[in-house]
């Protein structure tokens, strides 16, 4: 993506959005701080704080950790790396960069050095009875 800023290519207006889902993204960005600033612009608030500040929901944030130490089908990390091939089709990533990325993953696998992890967060809660919520 040399010469192209990912943030300039995303189809978001300046208005806040209700849900933002990012998966396997931060490790791919050269300017993580710029992305974080745009996330703040898009969402305008933090999800957990939003739910709790309304006093309409009771819940907690849960984390899920997925780790792969093998790069091969049907492992999740392998499938997600192969999904990135769609970026070549869209002209976002060059075929050479994608091929180099896949070759690097395969080399790490053959050396026993492949590691893939994803940490996912979810707010799990329930809507409070409005009569209860008004008394808070």
C-alpha atoms as a PDB file:
ATOM      1  CA  UNK A   1       0.000   0.000   0.000  1.00  0.00           C
ATOM      2  CA  UNK A   2       2.937   2.287  -0.445  1.00  0.00           C
ATOM      3  CA  UNK A   3       1.782   5.686  -1.584  1.00  0.00           C
ATOM      4  CA  UNK A   4      -1.843   5.064  -0.557  1.00  0.00           C
ATOM      5  CA  UNK A   5      -3.263   5.928   2.831  1.00  0.00           C
ATOM      6  CA  UNK A   6      -5.749   3.319   3.993  1.00  0.00           C
ATOM      7  CA  UNK A   7      -7.638   5.936   5.955  1.00  0.00           C
ATOM      8  CA  UNK A   8      -8.214   8.004   2.813  1.00  0.00           C
ATOM      9  CA  UNK A   9      -9.806   5.015   1.088  1.00  0.00           C
ATOM     10  CA  UNK A  10     -12.345   4.012   3.736  1.00  0.00           C
ATOM     11  CA  UNK A  11     -15.944   4.976   2.870  1.00  0.00           C
ATOM     12  CA  UNK A  12     -16.906   6.731   6.119  1.00  0.00           C
ATOM     13  CA  UNK A  13     -18.403  10.174   6.399  1.00  0.00           C
ATOM     14  CA  UNK A  14     -17.702  12.514   9.276  1.00  0.00           C
ATOM     15  CA  UNK A  15     -20.895  11.428  11.044  1.00  0.00           C
ATOM     16  CA  UNK A  16     -20.575   8.841  13.816  1.00  0.00           C
ATOM     17  CA  UNK A  17     -21.404   5.204  13.154  1.00  0.00           C
ATOM     18  CA  UNK A  18     -23.076   2.832  15.594  1.00  0.00           C
ATOM     19  CA  UNK A  19     -20.857  -0.222  15.116  1.00  0.00           C
ATOM     20  CA  UNK A  20     -17.232  -0.503  14.073  1.00  0.00           C
ATOM     21  CA  UNK A  21     -15.689  -3.956  13.606  1.00  0.00           C
ATOM     22  CA  UNK A  22     -11.984  -4.358  12.921  1.00  0.00           C
ATOM     23  CA  UNK A  23     -10.289  -7.720  12.709  1.00  0.00           C
ATOM     24  CA  UNK A  24      -6.586  -8.305  12.088  1.00  0.00           C
ATOM     25  CA  UNK A  25      -6.056  -4.689  11.215  1.00  0.00           C
ATOM     26  CA  UNK A  26      -3.796  -2.857  13.641  1.00  0.00           C
ATOM     27  CA  UNK A  27      -0.746  -5.008  12.962  1.00  0.00           C
ATOM     28  CA  UNK A  28      -1.060  -4.109   9.265  1.00  0.00           C
ATOM     29  CA  UNK A  29      -1.137  -0.329   9.705  1.00  0.00           C
ATOM     30  CA  UNK A  30       1.884   1.909   9.477  1.00  0.00           C
ATOM     31  CA  UNK A  31       0.207   4.777  11.345  1.00  0.00           C
ATOM     32  CA  UNK A  32      -1.829   3.210  14.126  1.00  0.00           C
ATOM     33  CA  UNK A  33      -2.343   6.524  15.895  1.00  0.00           C
ATOM     34  CA  UNK A  34      -3.985   8.055  12.824  1.00  0.00           C
ATOM     35  CA  UNK A  35      -6.311   5.066  12.643  1.00  0.00           C
ATOM     36  CA  UNK A  36      -7.173   5.426  16.346  1.00  0.00           C
ATOM     37  CA  UNK A  37      -7.989   9.107  15.796  1.00  0.00           C
ATOM     38  CA  UNK A  38     -10.304   8.184  12.913  1.00  0.00           C
ATOM     39  CA  UNK A  39     -11.957   5.453  14.979  1.00  0.00           C
ATOM     40  CA  UNK A  40     -12.713   8.081  17.610  1.00  0.00           C
ATOM     41  CA  UNK A  41     -14.170  10.280  14.858  1.00  0.00           C
ATOM     42  CA  UNK A  42     -16.309   7.457  13.456  1.00  0.00           C
ATOM     43  CA  UNK A  43     -17.651   6.128  16.708  1.00  0.00           C
ATOM     44  CA  UNK A  44     -17.599   9.317  18.770  1.00  0.00           C
ATOM     45  CA  UNK A  45     -17.615   7.284  21.981  1.00  0.00           C
ATOM     46  CA  UNK A  46     -16.574   4.020  23.548  1.00  0.00           C
ATOM     47  CA  UNK A  47     -19.039   1.180  23.355  1.00  0.00           C
ATOM     48  CA  UNK A  48     -18.841   0.094  26.992  1.00  0.00           C
ATOM     49  CA  UNK A  49     -19.127   3.671  28.238  1.00  0.00           C
ATOM     50  CA  UNK A  50     -22.064   4.277  25.921  1.00  0.00           C
ATOM     51  CA  UNK A  51     -24.092   1.399  27.297  1.00  0.00           C
ATOM     52  CA  UNK A  52     -23.317   2.174  30.928  1.00  0.00           C
ATOM     53  CA  UNK A  53     -23.835   5.922  30.676  1.00  0.00           C
ATOM     54  CA  UNK A  54     -27.453   5.444  29.572  1.00  0.00           C
ATOM     55  CA  UNK A  55     -28.288   3.419  32.676  1.00  0.00           C
ATOM     56  CA  UNK A  56     -30.428   1.303  30.365  1.00  0.00           C
ATOM     57  CA  UNK A  57     -28.064  -1.673  30.192  1.00  0.00           C
ATOM     58  CA  UNK A  58     -26.218  -3.921  32.615  1.00  0.00           C
ATOM     59  CA  UNK A  59     -23.335  -5.902  31.232  1.00  0.00           C
ATOM     60  CA  UNK A  60     -19.655  -6.597  31.032  1.00  0.00           C
ATOM     61  CA  UNK A  61     -16.899  -6.683  28.472  1.00  0.00           C
ATOM     62  CA  UNK A  62     -15.558 -10.132  27.614  1.00  0.00           C
ATOM     63  CA  UNK A  63     -12.319 -11.002  25.834  1.00  0.00           C
ATOM     64  CA  UNK A  64     -11.715 -14.005  23.616  1.00  0.00           C
ATOM     65  CA  UNK A  65      -8.230 -15.096  22.621  1.00  0.00           C
ATOM     66  CA  UNK A  66      -7.519 -17.244  19.578  1.00  0.00           C
ATOM     67  CA  UNK A  67      -3.986 -18.539  18.958  1.00  0.00           C
ATOM     68  CA  UNK A  68      -2.666 -20.517  15.976  1.00  0.00           C
ATOM     69  CA  UNK A  69       0.890 -21.871  15.845  1.00  0.00           C
ATOM     70  CA  UNK A  70       0.390 -23.688  12.538  1.00  0.00           C
ATOM     71  CA  UNK A  71      -0.006 -22.024   9.155  1.00  0.00           C
ATOM     72  CA  UNK A  72      -2.099 -24.516   7.179  1.00  0.00           C
ATOM     73  CA  UNK A  73      -5.732 -25.168   6.287  1.00  0.00           C
ATOM     74  CA  UNK A  74      -8.151 -25.151   8.083  1.00  0.00           C
ATOM     75  CA  UNK A  75      -6.546 -22.926  10.745  1.00  0.00           C
ATOM     76  CA  UNK A  76      -8.103 -19.492  11.146  1.00  0.00           C
ATOM     77  CA  UNK A  77      -4.865 -17.543  10.580  1.00  0.00           C
ATOM     78  CA  UNK A  78      -4.258 -19.353   7.296  1.00  0.00           C
ATOM     79  CA  UNK A  79      -7.768 -18.596   6.056  1.00  0.00           C
ATOM     80  CA  UNK A  80      -7.512 -14.920   7.026  1.00  0.00           C
ATOM     81  CA  UNK A  81      -4.130 -14.553   5.291  1.00  0.00           C
ATOM     82  CA  UNK A  82      -5.617 -16.071   2.139  1.00  0.00           C
ATOM     83  CA  UNK A  83      -8.583 -13.696   2.393  1.00  0.00           C
ATOM     84  CA  UNK A  84      -6.159 -10.819   1.916  1.00  0.00           C
ATOM     85  CA  UNK A  85      -5.779 -11.927  -1.693  1.00  0.00           C
ATOM     86  CA  UNK A  86      -9.000 -10.002  -2.346  1.00  0.00           C
ATOM     87  CA  UNK A  87      -7.034  -6.809  -1.720  1.00  0.00           C
ATOM     88  CA  UNK A  88      -4.926  -7.631  -4.782  1.00  0.00           C
ATOM     89  CA  UNK A  89      -8.081  -8.005  -6.873  1.00  0.00           C
ATOM     90  CA  UNK A  90      -9.254  -4.577  -5.688  1.00  0.00           C
ATOM     91  CA  UNK A  91      -5.907  -2.936  -6.430  1.00  0.00           C
ATOM     92  CA  UNK A  92      -5.262  -2.033  -2.782  1.00  0.00           C
ATOM     93  CA  UNK A  93      -2.197  -4.295  -2.439  1.00  0.00           C
ATOM     94  CA  UNK A  94       0.189  -5.323  -5.193  1.00  0.00           C
ATOM     95  CA  UNK A  95       0.392  -8.971  -6.198  1.00  0.00           C
ATOM     96  CA  UNK A  96       4.113  -8.904  -5.391  1.00  0.00           C
ATOM     97  CA  UNK A  97       3.510  -7.586  -1.845  1.00  0.00           C
ATOM     98  CA  UNK A  98       0.832 -10.212  -1.237  1.00  0.00           C
ATOM     99  CA  UNK A  99       3.042 -13.023  -2.570  1.00  0.00           C
ATOM    100  CA  UNK A 100       5.897 -11.819  -0.342  1.00  0.00           C
ATOM    101  CA  UNK A 101       3.571 -11.779   2.676  1.00  0.00           C
ATOM    102  CA  UNK A 102       2.385 -15.353   2.020  1.00  0.00           C
ATOM    103  CA  UNK A 103       5.971 -16.544   1.411  1.00  0.00           C
ATOM    104  CA  UNK A 104       7.024 -15.019   4.741  1.00  0.00           C
ATOM    105  CA  UNK A 105       4.227 -16.848   6.567  1.00  0.00           C
ATOM    106  CA  UNK A 106       5.132 -20.130   4.882  1.00  0.00           C
ATOM    107  CA  UNK A 107       8.810 -19.662   5.781  1.00  0.00           C
ATOM    108  CA  UNK A 108       7.915 -19.009   9.412  1.00  0.00           C
ATOM    109  CA  UNK A 109       5.769 -22.156   9.414  1.00  0.00           C
ATOM    110  CA  UNK A 110       8.627 -24.270   8.034  1.00  0.00           C
ATOM    111  CA  UNK A 111      10.954 -22.861  10.737  1.00  0.00           C
ATOM    112  CA  UNK A 112       8.454 -23.491  13.531  1.00  0.00           C
ATOM    113  CA  UNK A 113       8.190 -19.731  14.144  1.00  0.00           C
ATOM    114  CA  UNK A 114       4.641 -19.035  12.965  1.00  0.00           C
ATOM    115  CA  UNK A 115       2.360 -17.375  15.494  1.00  0.00           C
ATOM    116  CA  UNK A 116      -1.058 -15.834  14.926  1.00  0.00           C
ATOM    117  CA  UNK A 117      -3.332 -14.399  17.577  1.00  0.00           C
ATOM    118  CA  UNK A 118      -6.559 -12.463  17.734  1.00  0.00           C
ATOM    119  CA  UNK A 119      -8.082 -10.887  20.793  1.00  0.00           C
ATOM    120  CA  UNK A 120     -11.761 -10.111  20.399  1.00  0.00           C
ATOM    121  CA  UNK A 121     -13.869  -8.042  22.752  1.00  0.00           C
ATOM    122  CA  UNK A 122     -17.627  -8.078  23.136  1.00  0.00           C
ATOM    123  CA  UNK A 123     -20.042  -6.198  25.329  1.00  0.00           C
ATOM    124  CA  UNK A 124     -22.562  -8.676  26.672  1.00  0.00           C
ATOM    125  CA  UNK A 125     -25.461  -7.183  28.503  1.00  0.00           C
ATOM    126  CA  UNK A 126     -29.147  -6.946  28.932  1.00  0.00           C
ATOM    127  CA  UNK A 127     -31.513  -4.054  28.694  1.00  0.00           C
ATOM    128  CA  UNK A 128     -32.748  -3.027  32.117  1.00  0.00           C
ATOM    129  CA  UNK A 129     -36.409  -2.630  32.927  1.00  0.00           C
ATOM    130  CA  UNK A 130     -37.182   1.056  32.231  1.00  0.00           C
ATOM    131  CA  UNK A 131     -38.772   1.441  35.652  1.00  0.00           C
ATOM    132  CA  UNK A 132     -35.531   0.205  37.244  1.00  0.00           C
ATOM    133  CA  UNK A 133     -33.373   2.314  34.946  1.00  0.00           C
ATOM    134  CA  UNK A 134     -35.200   5.559  35.790  1.00  0.00           C
ATOM    135  CA  UNK A 135     -34.467   5.077  39.473  1.00  0.00           C
ATOM    136  CA  UNK A 136     -30.697   4.971  38.902  1.00  0.00           C
END
